[in-house]
């Protein structure tokens, strides 16, 4: 739903037959869409991440970690980036992580 324009959300909500699904859409509108990682692409570059698609992949992973409560603070986000980067010896290598595909 991240890319869905807000003006389409009433249509999505009306199409949800289950109350639980409608409540989840409203939770997204009220809370989840406002959540962003603390770190930016520039912060990732300062941490040694090369410019390129990996930055977007890491930002997406940081957002998921933030939403899941895995990285609630800036320090936790930095630690997660370092952990993920330690699994990636070279930006051109293909390394599969359970939540991050690099070089694909």
C-alpha atoms as a PDB file:
ATOM      1  CA  UNK A   1       0.000   0.000   0.000  1.00  0.00           C
ATOM      2  CA  UNK A   2       2.997   2.256   0.271  1.00  0.00           C
ATOM      3  CA  UNK A   3       2.626   3.495  -3.312  1.00  0.00           C
ATOM      4  CA  UNK A   4      -1.161   3.743  -3.268  1.00  0.00           C
ATOM      5  CA  UNK A   5      -2.433   7.326  -3.472  1.00  0.00           C
ATOM      6  CA  UNK A   6      -4.333   8.317  -0.345  1.00  0.00           C
ATOM      7  CA  UNK A   7      -7.401   9.323  -2.339  1.00  0.00           C
ATOM      8  CA  UNK A   8      -7.851   5.654  -3.339  1.00  0.00           C
ATOM      9  CA  UNK A   9      -7.875   4.373   0.252  1.00  0.00           C
ATOM     10  CA  UNK A  10     -11.649   4.822   0.743  1.00  0.00           C
ATOM     11  CA  UNK A  11     -12.141   2.565  -2.285  1.00  0.00           C
ATOM     12  CA  UNK A  12      -9.759  -0.013  -0.824  1.00  0.00           C
ATOM     13  CA  UNK A  13     -11.509   0.145   2.546  1.00  0.00           C
ATOM     14  CA  UNK A  14     -14.951  -0.252   0.990  1.00  0.00           C
ATOM     15  CA  UNK A  15     -13.690  -3.276  -0.962  1.00  0.00           C
ATOM     16  CA  UNK A  16     -12.495  -5.007   2.217  1.00  0.00           C
ATOM     17  CA  UNK A  17     -15.178  -7.494   3.218  1.00  0.00           C
ATOM     18  CA  UNK A  18     -13.657  -8.244   6.624  1.00  0.00           C
ATOM     19  CA  UNK A  19     -13.638  -5.815   9.521  1.00  0.00           C
ATOM     20  CA  UNK A  20     -10.067  -6.827  10.425  1.00  0.00           C
ATOM     21  CA  UNK A  21      -8.830  -5.911   6.957  1.00  0.00           C
ATOM     22  CA  UNK A  22     -10.546  -2.505   7.114  1.00  0.00           C
ATOM     23  CA  UNK A  23      -9.006  -1.860  10.536  1.00  0.00           C
ATOM     24  CA  UNK A  24      -5.565  -2.696   9.166  1.00  0.00           C
ATOM     25  CA  UNK A  25      -6.002  -0.260   6.279  1.00  0.00           C
ATOM     26  CA  UNK A  26      -7.006   2.490   8.732  1.00  0.00           C
ATOM     27  CA  UNK A  27      -4.000   1.625  10.925  1.00  0.00           C
ATOM     28  CA  UNK A  28      -1.831   2.141   7.879  1.00  0.00           C
ATOM     29  CA  UNK A  29      -3.445   5.524   7.184  1.00  0.00           C
ATOM     30  CA  UNK A  30      -3.193   6.743  10.786  1.00  0.00           C
ATOM     31  CA  UNK A  31       0.178   5.320  11.801  1.00  0.00           C
ATOM     32  CA  UNK A  32       2.249   3.111   9.550  1.00  0.00           C
ATOM     33  CA  UNK A  33       2.535   5.396   6.533  1.00  0.00           C
ATOM     34  CA  UNK A  34       4.168   8.016   8.768  1.00  0.00           C
ATOM     35  CA  UNK A  35       6.940   5.660   9.916  1.00  0.00           C
ATOM     36  CA  UNK A  36      10.338   6.202   8.315  1.00  0.00           C
ATOM     37  CA  UNK A  37      13.810   4.937   9.153  1.00  0.00           C
ATOM     38  CA  UNK A  38      15.877   7.463  11.079  1.00  0.00           C
ATOM     39  CA  UNK A  39      18.833   6.883   8.756  1.00  0.00           C
ATOM     40  CA  UNK A  40      18.826   8.412   5.287  1.00  0.00           C
ATOM     41  CA  UNK A  41      20.641   7.402   2.130  1.00  0.00           C
ATOM     42  CA  UNK A  42      23.335   9.953   2.987  1.00  0.00           C
ATOM     43  CA  UNK A  43      23.723   8.387   6.429  1.00  0.00           C
ATOM     44  CA  UNK A  44      24.165   4.979   4.804  1.00  0.00           C
ATOM     45  CA  UNK A  45      26.875   6.393   2.537  1.00  0.00           C
ATOM     46  CA  UNK A  46      28.638   7.801   5.599  1.00  0.00           C
ATOM     47  CA  UNK A  47      28.506   4.275   7.029  1.00  0.00           C
ATOM     48  CA  UNK A  48      30.350   3.040   3.950  1.00  0.00           C
ATOM     49  CA  UNK A  49      27.488   1.875   1.745  1.00  0.00           C
ATOM     50  CA  UNK A  50      28.305   2.654  -1.892  1.00  0.00           C
ATOM     51  CA  UNK A  51      25.863   4.734  -3.910  1.00  0.00           C
ATOM     52  CA  UNK A  52      23.518   2.525  -5.903  1.00  0.00           C
ATOM     53  CA  UNK A  53      20.596   0.125  -5.538  1.00  0.00           C
ATOM     54  CA  UNK A  54      21.924  -1.275  -2.259  1.00  0.00           C
ATOM     55  CA  UNK A  55      20.995   2.007  -0.544  1.00  0.00           C
ATOM     56  CA  UNK A  56      17.329   1.561  -1.489  1.00  0.00           C
ATOM     57  CA  UNK A  57      17.387  -2.084  -0.441  1.00  0.00           C
ATOM     58  CA  UNK A  58      18.857  -1.193   2.930  1.00  0.00           C
ATOM     59  CA  UNK A  59      16.359   1.636   3.455  1.00  0.00           C
ATOM     60  CA  UNK A  60      13.500  -0.774   2.701  1.00  0.00           C
ATOM     61  CA  UNK A  61      14.965  -3.288   5.164  1.00  0.00           C
ATOM     62  CA  UNK A  62      15.355  -0.533   7.788  1.00  0.00           C
ATOM     63  CA  UNK A  63      11.717   0.461   7.331  1.00  0.00           C
ATOM     64  CA  UNK A  64      10.609  -3.151   7.813  1.00  0.00           C
ATOM     65  CA  UNK A  65      12.813  -3.397  10.910  1.00  0.00           C
ATOM     66  CA  UNK A  66      11.355  -0.164  12.287  1.00  0.00           C
ATOM     67  CA  UNK A  67       7.776  -1.357  11.724  1.00  0.00           C
ATOM     68  CA  UNK A  68       8.553  -4.729  13.312  1.00  0.00           C
ATOM     69  CA  UNK A  69      10.190  -3.116  16.355  1.00  0.00           C
ATOM     70  CA  UNK A  70      13.535  -4.689  15.449  1.00  0.00           C
ATOM     71  CA  UNK A  71      15.300  -1.315  15.061  1.00  0.00           C
ATOM     72  CA  UNK A  72      13.455   1.286  17.156  1.00  0.00           C
ATOM     73  CA  UNK A  73      16.395   3.705  17.483  1.00  0.00           C
ATOM     74  CA  UNK A  74      19.063   5.243  15.290  1.00  0.00           C
ATOM     75  CA  UNK A  75      21.730   3.149  17.021  1.00  0.00           C
ATOM     76  CA  UNK A  76      19.752  -0.020  16.361  1.00  0.00           C
ATOM     77  CA  UNK A  77      19.393   0.969  12.699  1.00  0.00           C
ATOM     78  CA  UNK A  78      23.152   1.580  12.430  1.00  0.00           C
ATOM     79  CA  UNK A  79      23.844  -1.789  14.059  1.00  0.00           C
ATOM     80  CA  UNK A  80      21.490  -3.509  11.623  1.00  0.00           C
ATOM     81  CA  UNK A  81      23.189  -1.847   8.651  1.00  0.00           C
ATOM     82  CA  UNK A  82      26.594  -2.944   9.938  1.00  0.00           C
ATOM     83  CA  UNK A  83      25.302  -6.477  10.457  1.00  0.00           C
ATOM     84  CA  UNK A  84      23.802  -6.629   6.967  1.00  0.00           C
ATOM     85  CA  UNK A  85      26.941  -5.110   5.448  1.00  0.00           C
ATOM     86  CA  UNK A  86      29.138  -7.671   7.195  1.00  0.00           C
ATOM     87  CA  UNK A  87      27.242 -10.307   5.195  1.00  0.00           C
ATOM     88  CA  UNK A  88      28.189  -8.464   1.984  1.00  0.00           C
ATOM     89  CA  UNK A  89      31.936  -8.699   1.273  1.00  0.00           C
ATOM     90  CA  UNK A  90      31.759  -6.797  -2.016  1.00  0.00           C
ATOM     91  CA  UNK A  91      28.980  -4.686  -3.534  1.00  0.00           C
ATOM     92  CA  UNK A  92      29.192  -6.615  -6.808  1.00  0.00           C
ATOM     93  CA  UNK A  93      28.906 -10.045  -5.162  1.00  0.00           C
ATOM     94  CA  UNK A  94      25.657 -11.939  -5.038  1.00  0.00           C
ATOM     95  CA  UNK A  95      24.923 -12.642  -1.402  1.00  0.00           C
ATOM     96  CA  UNK A  96      21.553 -13.838  -0.196  1.00  0.00           C
ATOM     97  CA  UNK A  97      20.341 -12.766   3.194  1.00  0.00           C
ATOM     98  CA  UNK A  98      16.979 -13.873   4.525  1.00  0.00           C
ATOM     99  CA  UNK A  99      15.635 -10.336   4.122  1.00  0.00           C
ATOM    100  CA  UNK A 100      18.003  -8.646   1.710  1.00  0.00           C
ATOM    101  CA  UNK A 101      19.138  -9.665  -1.770  1.00  0.00           C
ATOM    102  CA  UNK A 102      22.294  -7.926  -2.869  1.00  0.00           C
ATOM    103  CA  UNK A 103      23.635  -7.982  -6.400  1.00  0.00           C
ATOM    104  CA  UNK A 104      20.404  -9.289  -7.904  1.00  0.00           C
END
